[in-house]
């Protein structure tokens, strides 16, 4: 990994190829086909809650960002959204605090 061209574009060096960070994640998401069942996620922002089905937590966060920005006058940032896995392979996942 390195910084290039003083424009602060983050480059990822992988097998002698260079990609920007956005291209890397777009290619990562493009590799996930609809053949796999989607997982269920719950996204929360400012006392609002959305249930989303996506292949990854990153895709769920991007979809939640779009939906929260449609409903709010205030611009929602991706880092303000909390996303939690709740369903995988059509089985419910229960999160318990084990102290």
PDB file of N, CA and C in Angstrom:
ATOM      1  N   UNK A   1       0.843  -1.179   0.000  1.00  0.00           N
ATOM      2  CA  UNK A   1       0.000   0.000   0.000  1.00  0.00           C
ATOM      3  C   UNK A   1       0.887   1.239   0.000  1.00  0.00           C
ATOM      4  N   UNK A   2       0.469   2.239  -0.748  1.00  0.00           N
ATOM      5  CA  UNK A   2       1.275   3.446  -0.789  1.00  0.00           C
ATOM      6  C   UNK A   2       0.429   4.640  -1.203  1.00  0.00           C
ATOM      7  N   UNK A   3       0.956   5.834  -0.901  1.00  0.00           N
ATOM      8  CA  UNK A   3       0.319   7.082  -1.324  1.00  0.00           C
ATOM      9  C   UNK A   3       0.992   7.509  -2.617  1.00  0.00           C
ATOM     10  N   UNK A   4       0.205   7.964  -3.605  1.00  0.00           N
ATOM     11  CA  UNK A   4       0.779   8.294  -4.903  1.00  0.00           C
ATOM     12  C   UNK A   4       0.369   9.688  -5.361  1.00  0.00           C
ATOM     13  N   UNK A   5       1.250  10.322  -6.140  1.00  0.00           N
ATOM     14  CA  UNK A   5       0.979  11.539  -6.905  1.00  0.00           C
ATOM     15  C   UNK A   5       0.565  12.743  -6.076  1.00  0.00           C
ATOM     16  N   UNK A   6       0.846  12.795  -4.832  1.00  0.00           N
ATOM     17  CA  UNK A   6       0.531  13.915  -3.948  1.00  0.00           C
ATOM     18  C   UNK A   6      -0.947  14.296  -3.956  1.00  0.00           C
ATOM     19  N   UNK A   7      -1.788  13.529  -4.619  1.00  0.00           N
ATOM     20  CA  UNK A   7      -3.215  13.829  -4.621  1.00  0.00           C
ATOM     21  C   UNK A   7      -3.937  13.007  -3.563  1.00  0.00           C
ATOM     22  N   UNK A   8      -3.159  12.322  -2.733  1.00  0.00           N
ATOM     23  CA  UNK A   8      -3.674  11.515  -1.638  1.00  0.00           C
ATOM     24  C   UNK A   8      -4.686  10.476  -2.109  1.00  0.00           C
ATOM     25  N   UNK A   9      -4.428   9.913  -3.280  1.00  0.00           N
ATOM     26  CA  UNK A   9      -5.237   8.787  -3.748  1.00  0.00           C
ATOM     27  C   UNK A   9      -4.595   7.537  -3.183  1.00  0.00           C
ATOM     28  N   UNK A  10      -5.362   6.809  -2.424  1.00  0.00           N
ATOM     29  CA  UNK A  10      -4.848   5.621  -1.772  1.00  0.00           C
ATOM     30  C   UNK A  10      -4.792   4.491  -2.798  1.00  0.00           C
ATOM     31  N   UNK A  11      -3.614   3.963  -3.041  1.00  0.00           N
ATOM     32  CA  UNK A  11      -3.453   2.895  -4.017  1.00  0.00           C
ATOM     33  C   UNK A  11      -3.210   1.575  -3.290  1.00  0.00           C
ATOM     34  N   UNK A  12      -3.763   0.537  -3.828  1.00  0.00           N
ATOM     35  CA  UNK A  12      -3.571  -0.790  -3.256  1.00  0.00           C
ATOM     36  C   UNK A  12      -2.711  -1.594  -4.229  1.00  0.00           C
ATOM     37  N   UNK A  13      -1.591  -2.047  -3.744  1.00  0.00           N
ATOM     38  CA  UNK A  13      -0.701  -2.848  -4.571  1.00  0.00           C
ATOM     39  C   UNK A  13      -1.018  -4.321  -4.309  1.00  0.00           C
ATOM     40  N   UNK A  14      -1.457  -5.000  -5.340  1.00  0.00           N
ATOM     41  CA  UNK A  14      -1.836  -6.401  -5.175  1.00  0.00           C
ATOM     42  C   UNK A  14      -1.456  -7.134  -6.447  1.00  0.00           C
ATOM     43  N   UNK A  15      -0.566  -8.083  -6.371  1.00  0.00           N
ATOM     44  CA  UNK A  15      -0.101  -8.864  -7.510  1.00  0.00           C
ATOM     45  C   UNK A  15       0.357  -7.975  -8.658  1.00  0.00           C
ATOM     46  N   UNK A  16       1.152  -6.967  -8.353  1.00  0.00           N
ATOM     47  CA  UNK A  16       1.726  -6.044  -9.337  1.00  0.00           C
ATOM     48  C   UNK A  16       0.677  -5.247 -10.103  1.00  0.00           C
ATOM     49  N   UNK A  17      -0.511  -5.046  -9.540  1.00  0.00           N
ATOM     50  CA  UNK A  17      -1.519  -4.184 -10.167  1.00  0.00           C
ATOM     51  C   UNK A  17      -1.876  -3.094  -9.178  1.00  0.00           C
ATOM     52  N   UNK A  18      -2.304  -1.947  -9.706  1.00  0.00           N
ATOM     53  CA  UNK A  18      -2.687  -0.828  -8.855  1.00  0.00           C
ATOM     54  C   UNK A  18      -4.152  -0.515  -9.071  1.00  0.00           C
ATOM     55  N   UNK A  19      -4.880  -0.365  -7.979  1.00  0.00           N
ATOM     56  CA  UNK A  19      -6.280   0.000  -8.037  1.00  0.00           C
ATOM     57  C   UNK A  19      -6.535   1.059  -6.973  1.00  0.00           C
ATOM     58  N   UNK A  20      -7.461   1.948  -7.236  1.00  0.00           N
ATOM     59  CA  UNK A  20      -7.847   2.862  -6.178  1.00  0.00           C
ATOM     60  C   UNK A  20      -8.708   2.101  -5.190  1.00  0.00           C
ATOM     61  N   UNK A  21      -8.904   2.667  -4.021  1.00  0.00           N
ATOM     62  CA  UNK A  21      -9.670   1.986  -2.982  1.00  0.00           C
ATOM     63  C   UNK A  21     -11.105   1.749  -3.434  1.00  0.00           C
ATOM     64  N   UNK A  22     -11.724   2.724  -4.107  1.00  0.00           N
ATOM     65  CA  UNK A  22     -13.104   2.566  -4.572  1.00  0.00           C
ATOM     66  C   UNK A  22     -13.211   1.445  -5.595  1.00  0.00           C
ATOM     67  N   UNK A  23     -12.265   1.374  -6.536  1.00  0.00           N
ATOM     68  CA  UNK A  23     -12.280   0.303  -7.528  1.00  0.00           C
ATOM     69  C   UNK A  23     -12.118  -1.055  -6.862  1.00  0.00           C
ATOM     70  N   UNK A  24     -11.267  -1.121  -5.848  1.00  0.00           N
ATOM     71  CA  UNK A  24     -11.050  -2.382  -5.146  1.00  0.00           C
ATOM     72  C   UNK A  24     -12.344  -2.888  -4.516  1.00  0.00           C
ATOM     73  N   UNK A  25     -13.058  -1.994  -3.795  1.00  0.00           N
ATOM     74  CA  UNK A  25     -14.285  -2.423  -3.132  1.00  0.00           C
ATOM     75  C   UNK A  25     -15.410  -2.675  -4.125  1.00  0.00           C
ATOM     76  N   UNK A  26     -15.458  -1.938  -5.246  1.00  0.00           N
ATOM     77  CA  UNK A  26     -16.470  -2.211  -6.263  1.00  0.00           C
ATOM     78  C   UNK A  26     -16.250  -3.577  -6.890  1.00  0.00           C
ATOM     79  N   UNK A  27     -14.997  -3.916  -7.165  1.00  0.00           N
ATOM     80  CA  UNK A  27     -14.693  -5.234  -7.711  1.00  0.00           C
ATOM     81  C   UNK A  27     -14.990  -6.326  -6.693  1.00  0.00           C
ATOM     82  N   UNK A  28     -14.760  -6.047  -5.430  1.00  0.00           N
ATOM     83  CA  UNK A  28     -15.053  -7.005  -4.374  1.00  0.00           C
ATOM     84  C   UNK A  28     -16.546  -7.295  -4.316  1.00  0.00           C
ATOM     85  N   UNK A  29     -17.362  -6.243  -4.395  1.00  0.00           N
ATOM     86  CA  UNK A  29     -18.807  -6.421  -4.350  1.00  0.00           C
ATOM     87  C   UNK A  29     -19.343  -7.035  -5.637  1.00  0.00           C
ATOM     88  N   UNK A  30     -18.699  -6.769  -6.774  1.00  0.00           N
ATOM     89  CA  UNK A  30     -19.138  -7.348  -8.040  1.00  0.00           C
ATOM     90  C   UNK A  30     -18.882  -8.847  -8.050  1.00  0.00           C
ATOM     91  N   UNK A  31     -17.886  -9.294  -7.296  1.00  0.00           N
ATOM     92  CA  UNK A  31     -17.581 -10.720  -7.259  1.00  0.00           C
ATOM     93  C   UNK A  31     -18.613 -11.509  -6.467  1.00  0.00           C
ATOM     94  N   UNK A  32     -19.389 -10.824  -5.638  1.00  0.00           N
ATOM     95  CA  UNK A  32     -20.428 -11.503  -4.873  1.00  0.00           C
ATOM     96  C   UNK A  32     -21.669 -11.623  -5.744  1.00  0.00           C
ATOM     97  N   UNK A  33     -21.996 -12.828  -6.119  1.00  0.00           N
ATOM     98  CA  UNK A  33     -23.130 -13.065  -7.014  1.00  0.00           C
ATOM     99  C   UNK A  33     -24.407 -13.213  -6.206  1.00  0.00           C
ATOM    100  N   UNK A  34     -25.539 -13.131  -6.904  1.00  0.00           N
ATOM    101  CA  UNK A  34     -26.832 -13.304  -6.260  1.00  0.00           C
ATOM    102  C   UNK A  34     -27.138 -14.771  -5.979  1.00  0.00           C
ATOM    103  N   UNK A  35     -26.203 -15.669  -6.333  1.00  0.00           N
ATOM    104  CA  UNK A  35     -26.404 -17.087  -6.079  1.00  0.00           C
ATOM    105  C   UNK A  35     -26.401 -17.384  -4.582  1.00  0.00           C
ATOM    106  N   UNK A  36     -25.606 -16.626  -3.840  1.00  0.00           N
ATOM    107  CA  UNK A  36     -25.580 -16.800  -2.393  1.00  0.00           C
ATOM    108  C   UNK A  36     -26.810 -16.144  -1.801  1.00  0.00           C
ATOM    109  N   UNK A  37     -27.384 -16.723  -0.761  1.00  0.00           N
ATOM    110  CA  UNK A  37     -28.496 -16.035  -0.093  1.00  0.00           C
ATOM    111  C   UNK A  37     -27.989 -14.798   0.637  1.00  0.00           C
ATOM    112  N   UNK A  38     -28.808 -13.786   0.641  1.00  0.00           N
ATOM    113  CA  UNK A  38     -28.423 -12.548   1.322  1.00  0.00           C
ATOM    114  C   UNK A  38     -28.632 -12.695   2.820  1.00  0.00           C
ATOM    115  N   UNK A  39     -27.787 -12.014   3.581  1.00  0.00           N
ATOM    116  CA  UNK A  39     -27.890 -12.019   5.038  1.00  0.00           C
ATOM    117  C   UNK A  39     -28.760 -10.859   5.486  1.00  0.00           C
ATOM    118  N   UNK A  40     -29.394 -11.004   6.634  1.00  0.00           N
ATOM    119  CA  UNK A  40     -30.231  -9.948   7.181  1.00  0.00           C
ATOM    120  C   UNK A  40     -29.437  -9.079   8.143  1.00  0.00           C
ATOM    121  N   UNK A  41     -29.532  -7.766   7.960  1.00  0.00           N
ATOM    122  CA  UNK A  41     -28.830  -6.806   8.808  1.00  0.00           C
ATOM    123  C   UNK A  41     -29.832  -5.797   9.350  1.00  0.00           C
ATOM    124  N   UNK A  42     -29.515  -5.232  10.504  1.00  0.00           N
ATOM    125  CA  UNK A  42     -30.286  -4.127  11.066  1.00  0.00           C
ATOM    126  C   UNK A  42     -29.365  -2.921  11.114  1.00  0.00           C
ATOM    127  N   UNK A  43     -29.813  -1.825  10.501  1.00  0.00           N
ATOM    128  CA  UNK A  43     -29.041  -0.585  10.494  1.00  0.00           C
ATOM    129  C   UNK A  43     -29.754   0.425  11.381  1.00  0.00           C
ATOM    130  N   UNK A  44     -28.998   1.107  12.238  1.00  0.00           N
ATOM    131  CA  UNK A  44     -29.570   2.082  13.156  1.00  0.00           C
ATOM    132  C   UNK A  44     -28.854   3.411  13.028  1.00  0.00           C
ATOM    133  N   UNK A  45     -29.681   4.494  13.046  1.00  0.00           N
ATOM    134  CA  UNK A  45     -29.143   5.848  13.000  1.00  0.00           C
ATOM    135  C   UNK A  45     -30.140   6.776  13.675  1.00  0.00           C
ATOM    136  N   UNK A  46     -29.709   7.486  14.688  1.00  0.00           N
ATOM    137  CA  UNK A  46     -30.500   8.532  15.328  1.00  0.00           C
ATOM    138  C   UNK A  46     -31.916   8.058  15.703  1.00  0.00           C
ATOM    139  N   UNK A  47     -31.992   6.965  16.433  1.00  0.00           N
ATOM    140  CA  UNK A  47     -33.237   6.365  16.909  1.00  0.00           C
ATOM    141  C   UNK A  47     -34.128   5.851  15.785  1.00  0.00           C
ATOM    142  N   UNK A  48     -33.570   5.652  14.583  1.00  0.00           N
ATOM    143  CA  UNK A  48     -34.294   5.070  13.456  1.00  0.00           C
ATOM    144  C   UNK A  48     -33.679   3.714  13.159  1.00  0.00           C
ATOM    145  N   UNK A  49     -34.495   2.807  12.652  1.00  0.00           N
ATOM    146  CA  UNK A  49     -34.040   1.447  12.430  1.00  0.00           C
ATOM    147  C   UNK A  49     -34.512   0.954  11.068  1.00  0.00           C
ATOM    148  N   UNK A  50     -33.628   0.289  10.326  1.00  0.00           N
ATOM    149  CA  UNK A  50     -33.955  -0.308   9.035  1.00  0.00           C
ATOM    150  C   UNK A  50     -33.528  -1.766   9.028  1.00  0.00           C
ATOM    151  N   UNK A  51     -34.319  -2.601   8.390  1.00  0.00           N
ATOM    152  CA  UNK A  51     -33.927  -3.987   8.182  1.00  0.00           C
ATOM    153  C   UNK A  51     -33.533  -4.133   6.722  1.00  0.00           C
ATOM    154  N   UNK A  52     -32.340  -4.656   6.478  1.00  0.00           N
ATOM    155  CA  UNK A  52     -31.763  -4.707   5.138  1.00  0.00           C
ATOM    156  C   UNK A  52     -31.239  -6.108   4.870  1.00  0.00           C
ATOM    157  N   UNK A  53     -31.413  -6.572   3.628  1.00  0.00           N
ATOM    158  CA  UNK A  53     -30.819  -7.830   3.195  1.00  0.00           C
ATOM    159  C   UNK A  53     -29.712  -7.514   2.193  1.00  0.00           C
ATOM    160  N   UNK A  54     -28.496  -8.007   2.470  1.00  0.00           N
ATOM    161  CA  UNK A  54     -27.339  -7.747   1.618  1.00  0.00           C
ATOM    162  C   UNK A  54     -26.338  -8.888   1.767  1.00  0.00           C
ATOM    163  N   UNK A  55     -25.363  -8.910   0.861  1.00  0.00           N
ATOM    164  CA  UNK A  55     -24.335  -9.955   0.913  1.00  0.00           C
ATOM    165  C   UNK A  55     -23.275  -9.679   1.964  1.00  0.00           C
ATOM    166  N   UNK A  56     -22.996  -8.398   2.219  1.00  0.00           N
ATOM    167  CA  UNK A  56     -21.946  -8.054   3.176  1.00  0.00           C
ATOM    168  C   UNK A  56     -22.387  -6.862   4.018  1.00  0.00           C
ATOM    169  N   UNK A  57     -21.672  -6.653   5.102  1.00  0.00           N
ATOM    170  CA  UNK A  57     -21.998  -5.534   5.991  1.00  0.00           C
ATOM    171  C   UNK A  57     -21.712  -4.202   5.286  1.00  0.00           C
ATOM    172  N   UNK A  58     -20.729  -4.197   4.389  1.00  0.00           N
ATOM    173  CA  UNK A  58     -20.408  -2.986   3.632  1.00  0.00           C
ATOM    174  C   UNK A  58     -21.557  -2.618   2.688  1.00  0.00           C
ATOM    175  N   UNK A  59     -22.105  -3.610   1.987  1.00  0.00           N
ATOM    176  CA  UNK A  59     -23.256  -3.354   1.114  1.00  0.00           C
ATOM    177  C   UNK A  59     -24.462  -2.905   1.922  1.00  0.00           C
ATOM    178  N   UNK A  60     -24.682  -3.491   3.083  1.00  0.00           N
ATOM    179  CA  UNK A  60     -25.804  -3.106   3.933  1.00  0.00           C
ATOM    180  C   UNK A  60     -25.646  -1.659   4.395  1.00  0.00           C
ATOM    181  N   UNK A  61     -24.421  -1.264   4.733  1.00  0.00           N
ATOM    182  CA  UNK A  61     -24.187   0.110   5.169  1.00  0.00           C
ATOM    183  C   UNK A  61     -24.425   1.090   4.024  1.00  0.00           C
ATOM    184  N   UNK A  62     -23.988   0.754   2.804  1.00  0.00           N
ATOM    185  CA  UNK A  62     -24.211   1.629   1.655  1.00  0.00           C
ATOM    186  C   UNK A  62     -25.707   1.782   1.358  1.00  0.00           C
ATOM    187  N   UNK A  63     -26.461   0.690   1.428  1.00  0.00           N
ATOM    188  CA  UNK A  63     -27.902   0.754   1.174  1.00  0.00           C
ATOM    189  C   UNK A  63     -28.620   1.543   2.268  1.00  0.00           C
ATOM    190  N   UNK A  64     -28.208   1.360   3.506  1.00  0.00           N
ATOM    191  CA  UNK A  64     -28.802   2.115   4.614  1.00  0.00           C
ATOM    192  C   UNK A  64     -28.507   3.603   4.471  1.00  0.00           C
ATOM    193  N   UNK A  65     -27.313   3.931   4.034  1.00  0.00           N
ATOM    194  CA  UNK A  65     -26.934   5.325   3.833  1.00  0.00           C
ATOM    195  C   UNK A  65     -27.855   5.997   2.818  1.00  0.00           C
ATOM    196  N   UNK A  66     -28.140   5.309   1.727  1.00  0.00           N
ATOM    197  CA  UNK A  66     -29.039   5.854   0.702  1.00  0.00           C
ATOM    198  C   UNK A  66     -30.437   6.060   1.277  1.00  0.00           C
ATOM    199  N   UNK A  67     -30.937   5.067   1.994  1.00  0.00           N
ATOM    200  CA  UNK A  67     -32.304   5.160   2.525  1.00  0.00           C
ATOM    201  C   UNK A  67     -32.416   6.213   3.627  1.00  0.00           C
ATOM    202  N   UNK A  68     -31.429   6.312   4.499  1.00  0.00           N
ATOM    203  CA  UNK A  68     -31.486   7.333   5.550  1.00  0.00           C
ATOM    204  C   UNK A  68     -31.370   8.742   4.962  1.00  0.00           C
ATOM    205  N   UNK A  69     -30.580   8.914   3.899  1.00  0.00           N
ATOM    206  CA  UNK A  69     -30.458  10.225   3.272  1.00  0.00           C
ATOM    207  C   UNK A  69     -31.738  10.638   2.554  1.00  0.00           C
ATOM    208  N   UNK A  70     -32.527   9.669   2.073  1.00  0.00           N
ATOM    209  CA  UNK A  70     -33.805   9.982   1.441  1.00  0.00           C
ATOM    210  C   UNK A  70     -34.808  10.505   2.466  1.00  0.00           C
ATOM    211  N   UNK A  71     -34.754   9.975   3.672  1.00  0.00           N
ATOM    212  CA  UNK A  71     -35.749  10.293   4.696  1.00  0.00           C
ATOM    213  C   UNK A  71     -35.381  11.495   5.555  1.00  0.00           C
ATOM    214  N   UNK A  72     -34.141  11.935   5.501  1.00  0.00           N
ATOM    215  CA  UNK A  72     -33.680  12.974   6.406  1.00  0.00           C
ATOM    216  C   UNK A  72     -33.255  14.220   5.634  1.00  0.00           C
ATOM    217  N   UNK A  73     -33.522  15.388   6.221  1.00  0.00           N
ATOM    218  CA  UNK A  73     -33.033  16.633   5.613  1.00  0.00           C
ATOM    219  C   UNK A  73     -31.548  16.801   5.880  1.00  0.00           C
ATOM    220  N   UNK A  74     -31.109  16.253   6.982  1.00  0.00           N
ATOM    221  CA  UNK A  74     -29.707  16.330   7.360  1.00  0.00           C
ATOM    222  C   UNK A  74     -28.909  15.269   6.609  1.00  0.00           C
ATOM    223  N   UNK A  75     -27.718  15.615   6.139  1.00  0.00           N
ATOM    224  CA  UNK A  75     -26.895  14.640   5.422  1.00  0.00           C
ATOM    225  C   UNK A  75     -26.315  13.628   6.404  1.00  0.00           C
ATOM    226  N   UNK A  76     -26.606  12.366   6.157  1.00  0.00           N
ATOM    227  CA  UNK A  76     -26.151  11.275   7.019  1.00  0.00           C
ATOM    228  C   UNK A  76     -24.793  10.798   6.509  1.00  0.00           C
ATOM    229  N   UNK A  77     -23.863  10.603   7.406  1.00  0.00           N
ATOM    230  CA  UNK A  77     -22.541  10.074   7.066  1.00  0.00           C
ATOM    231  C   UNK A  77     -22.521   8.576   7.322  1.00  0.00           C
ATOM    232  N   UNK A  78     -21.732   7.850   6.553  1.00  0.00           N
ATOM    233  CA  UNK A  78     -21.674   6.395   6.666  1.00  0.00           C
ATOM    234  C   UNK A  78     -21.199   5.946   8.044  1.00  0.00           C
ATOM    235  N   UNK A  79     -20.281   6.713   8.644  1.00  0.00           N
ATOM    236  CA  UNK A  79     -19.732   6.301   9.947  1.00  0.00           C
ATOM    237  C   UNK A  79     -20.707   6.532  11.098  1.00  0.00           C
ATOM    238  N   UNK A  80     -21.810   7.216  10.845  1.00  0.00           N
ATOM    239  CA  UNK A  80     -22.819   7.416  11.884  1.00  0.00           C
ATOM    240  C   UNK A  80     -23.824   6.268  11.942  1.00  0.00           C
ATOM    241  N   UNK A  81     -23.777   5.379  10.969  1.00  0.00           N
ATOM    242  CA  UNK A  81     -24.737   4.271  10.898  1.00  0.00           C
ATOM    243  C   UNK A  81     -24.126   3.033  11.541  1.00  0.00           C
ATOM    244  N   UNK A  82     -24.888   2.420  12.438  1.00  0.00           N
ATOM    245  CA  UNK A  82     -24.461   1.178  13.082  1.00  0.00           C
ATOM    246  C   UNK A  82     -25.183   0.014  12.414  1.00  0.00           C
ATOM    247  N   UNK A  83     -24.428  -0.956  11.878  1.00  0.00           N
ATOM    248  CA  UNK A  83     -25.006  -2.101  11.176  1.00  0.00           C
ATOM    249  C   UNK A  83     -24.637  -3.372  11.925  1.00  0.00           C
ATOM    250  N   UNK A  84     -25.637  -4.233  12.155  1.00  0.00           N
ATOM    251  CA  UNK A  84     -25.431  -5.469  12.906  1.00  0.00           C
ATOM    252  C   UNK A  84     -26.022  -6.651  12.145  1.00  0.00           C
ATOM    253  N   UNK A  85     -25.299  -7.736  12.084  1.00  0.00           N
ATOM    254  CA  UNK A  85     -25.782  -8.956  11.451  1.00  0.00           C
ATOM    255  C   UNK A  85     -26.855  -9.593  12.323  1.00  0.00           C
ATOM    256  N   UNK A  86     -28.013  -9.917  11.739  1.00  0.00           N
ATOM    257  CA  UNK A  86     -29.109 -10.497  12.515  1.00  0.00           C
ATOM    258  C   UNK A  86     -29.612 -11.828  11.952  1.00  0.00           C
ATOM    259  N   UNK A  87     -29.306 -12.117  10.694  1.00  0.00           N
ATOM    260  CA  UNK A  87     -29.782 -13.342  10.083  1.00  0.00           C
ATOM    261  C   UNK A  87     -28.749 -13.831   9.076  1.00  0.00           C
ATOM    262  N   UNK A  88     -28.376 -15.114   9.190  1.00  0.00           N
ATOM    263  CA  UNK A  88     -27.419 -15.709   8.262  1.00  0.00           C
ATOM    264  C   UNK A  88     -27.901 -17.092   7.868  1.00  0.00           C
ATOM    265  N   UNK A  89     -27.943 -17.362   6.576  1.00  0.00           N
ATOM    266  CA  UNK A  89     -28.437 -18.636   6.041  1.00  0.00           C
ATOM    267  C   UNK A  89     -29.845 -18.936   6.566  1.00  0.00           C
ATOM    268  N   UNK A  90     -30.683 -17.907   6.592  1.00  0.00           N
ATOM    269  CA  UNK A  90     -32.078 -17.993   7.057  1.00  0.00           C
ATOM    270  C   UNK A  90     -32.199 -18.474   8.498  1.00  0.00           C
ATOM    271  N   UNK A  91     -31.174 -18.264   9.292  1.00  0.00           N
ATOM    272  CA  UNK A  91     -31.208 -18.587  10.712  1.00  0.00           C
ATOM    273  C   UNK A  91     -30.965 -17.315  11.505  1.00  0.00           C
ATOM    274  N   UNK A  92     -31.762 -17.105  12.525  1.00  0.00           N
ATOM    275  CA  UNK A  92     -31.650 -15.905  13.340  1.00  0.00           C
ATOM    276  C   UNK A  92     -30.391 -15.962  14.200  1.00  0.00           C
ATOM    277  N   UNK A  93     -29.721 -14.831  14.297  1.00  0.00           N
ATOM    278  CA  UNK A  93     -28.526 -14.726  15.137  1.00  0.00           C
ATOM    279  C   UNK A  93     -28.890 -13.863  16.337  1.00  0.00           C
ATOM    280  N   UNK A  94     -28.630 -14.369  17.530  1.00  0.00           N
ATOM    281  CA  UNK A  94     -28.956 -13.653  18.750  1.00  0.00           C
ATOM    282  C   UNK A  94     -27.649 -13.181  19.384  1.00  0.00           C
ATOM    283  N   UNK A  95     -27.569 -11.892  19.632  1.00  0.00           N
ATOM    284  CA  UNK A  95     -26.386 -11.309  20.270  1.00  0.00           C
ATOM    285  C   UNK A  95     -26.650 -11.171  21.765  1.00  0.00           C
ATOM    286  N   UNK A  96     -25.806 -11.813  22.574  1.00  0.00           N
ATOM    287  CA  UNK A  96     -25.973 -11.729  24.016  1.00  0.00           C
ATOM    288  C   UNK A  96     -24.718 -11.146  24.645  1.00  0.00           C
ATOM    289  N   UNK A  97     -24.874 -10.301  25.624  1.00  0.00           N
ATOM    290  CA  UNK A  97     -23.687  -9.782  26.323  1.00  0.00           C
ATOM    291  C   UNK A  97     -23.203 -10.816  27.342  1.00  0.00           C
ATOM    292  N   UNK A  98     -22.096 -11.433  27.069  1.00  0.00           N
ATOM    293  CA  UNK A  98     -21.503 -12.396  27.996  1.00  0.00           C
ATOM    294  C   UNK A  98     -20.387 -11.715  28.761  1.00  0.00           C
ATOM    295  N   UNK A  99     -20.601 -11.542  30.045  1.00  0.00           N
ATOM    296  CA  UNK A  99     -19.597 -10.864  30.875  1.00  0.00           C
ATOM    297  C   UNK A  99     -18.844 -11.870  31.688  1.00  0.00           C
TER     298      UNK A  99
END
